[in-house]
Amino acid sequence: MSDGLLKMWIALGAIGLMFFAVISITWSRTKLNGIFKFIVTLFAYVCMVTAGILILLVVFSGPVPGMIIN
């Protein structure tokens, strides 16, 4: 697997984590109470922070070697 393809899959996974975090936060605020609300919210924020770190790594790792820019 090439470096560019690997970066694409990592970025796609991070986007999926962000989507899951948004859905989880919305669900916990509208449907859950008590300790379950706290657990789901905490897990969602962990997913969001992980996704943000992954996106930063992909963006700041620079272009893939051998990439042709016209």
Protein backbone atom coordinates (compact mmCIF):
# COMPACT_ATOMS: atom_id res chain seq x y z
CA MET A 1 0.00 0.00 0.00
CA SER A 2 1.38 3.38 -0.97
CA ASP A 3 1.90 6.23 1.47
CA GLY A 4 -0.79 8.32 -0.17
CA LEU A 5 -3.36 5.54 0.10
CA LEU A 6 -2.47 4.95 3.74
CA LYS A 7 -2.93 8.65 4.50
CA MET A 8 -6.30 8.55 2.76
CA TRP A 9 -7.51 5.63 4.90
CA ILE A 10 -6.29 7.29 8.11
CA ALA A 11 -8.09 10.53 7.19
CA LEU A 12 -11.25 8.61 6.30
CA GLY A 13 -11.13 6.80 9.64
CA ALA A 14 -10.74 10.13 11.43
CA ILE A 15 -13.75 11.54 9.59
CA GLY A 16 -15.72 8.45 10.65
CA LEU A 17 -14.67 9.01 14.27
CA MET A 18 -15.85 12.61 14.06
CA PHE A 19 -19.20 11.54 12.65
CA PHE A 20 -19.60 8.93 15.41
CA ALA A 21 -18.71 11.53 18.05
CA VAL A 22 -21.30 14.03 16.79
CA ILE A 23 -24.04 11.39 16.67
CA SER A 24 -23.09 10.13 20.16
CA ILE A 25 -23.10 13.61 21.69
CA THR A 26 -26.48 14.40 20.14
CA TRP A 27 -27.93 11.09 21.31
CA SER A 28 -26.58 11.43 24.85
CA ARG A 29 -27.93 14.97 25.26
CA THR A 30 -31.42 14.11 24.05
CA LYS A 31 -32.06 10.51 25.15
CA LEU A 32 -29.79 9.56 28.07
CA ASN A 33 -29.63 10.49 31.74
CA GLY A 34 -27.24 9.95 34.62
CA ILE A 35 -24.09 7.87 34.38
CA PHE A 36 -24.88 6.57 30.88
CA LYS A 37 -24.96 10.14 29.59
CA PHE A 38 -21.55 10.81 31.14
CA ILE A 39 -20.01 7.61 29.74
CA VAL A 40 -21.30 8.15 26.19
CA THR A 41 -20.28 11.82 26.26
CA LEU A 42 -16.80 10.99 27.54
CA PHE A 43 -16.34 8.32 24.86
CA ALA A 44 -17.53 10.76 22.18
CA TYR A 45 -15.06 13.42 23.26
CA VAL A 46 -12.23 10.88 23.28
CA CYS A 47 -13.19 9.94 19.71
CA MET A 48 -13.23 13.61 18.70
CA VAL A 49 -9.80 14.33 20.19
CA THR A 50 -8.34 11.19 18.58
CA ALA A 51 -9.80 12.19 15.21
CA GLY A 52 -8.36 15.69 15.54
CA ILE A 53 -4.89 14.34 16.30
CA LEU A 54 -5.07 11.96 13.33
CA ILE A 55 -6.14 14.74 10.97
CA LEU A 56 -3.34 16.99 12.23
CA LEU A 57 -0.80 14.21 11.64
CA VAL A 58 -2.06 13.64 8.10
CA VAL A 59 -2.13 17.34 7.23
CA PHE A 60 1.24 18.24 8.70
CA SER A 61 3.07 15.17 7.40
CA GLY A 62 3.33 16.92 4.05
CA PRO A 63 2.91 15.69 0.53
CA VAL A 64 3.70 12.16 -0.49
CA PRO A 65 7.16 11.75 -2.08
CA GLY A 66 6.95 11.40 -5.84
CA MET A 67 3.69 13.31 -6.06
CA ILE A 68 3.51 15.31 -9.29
CA ILE A 69 2.13 18.84 -8.92
CA ASN A 70 1.27 20.66 -12.13
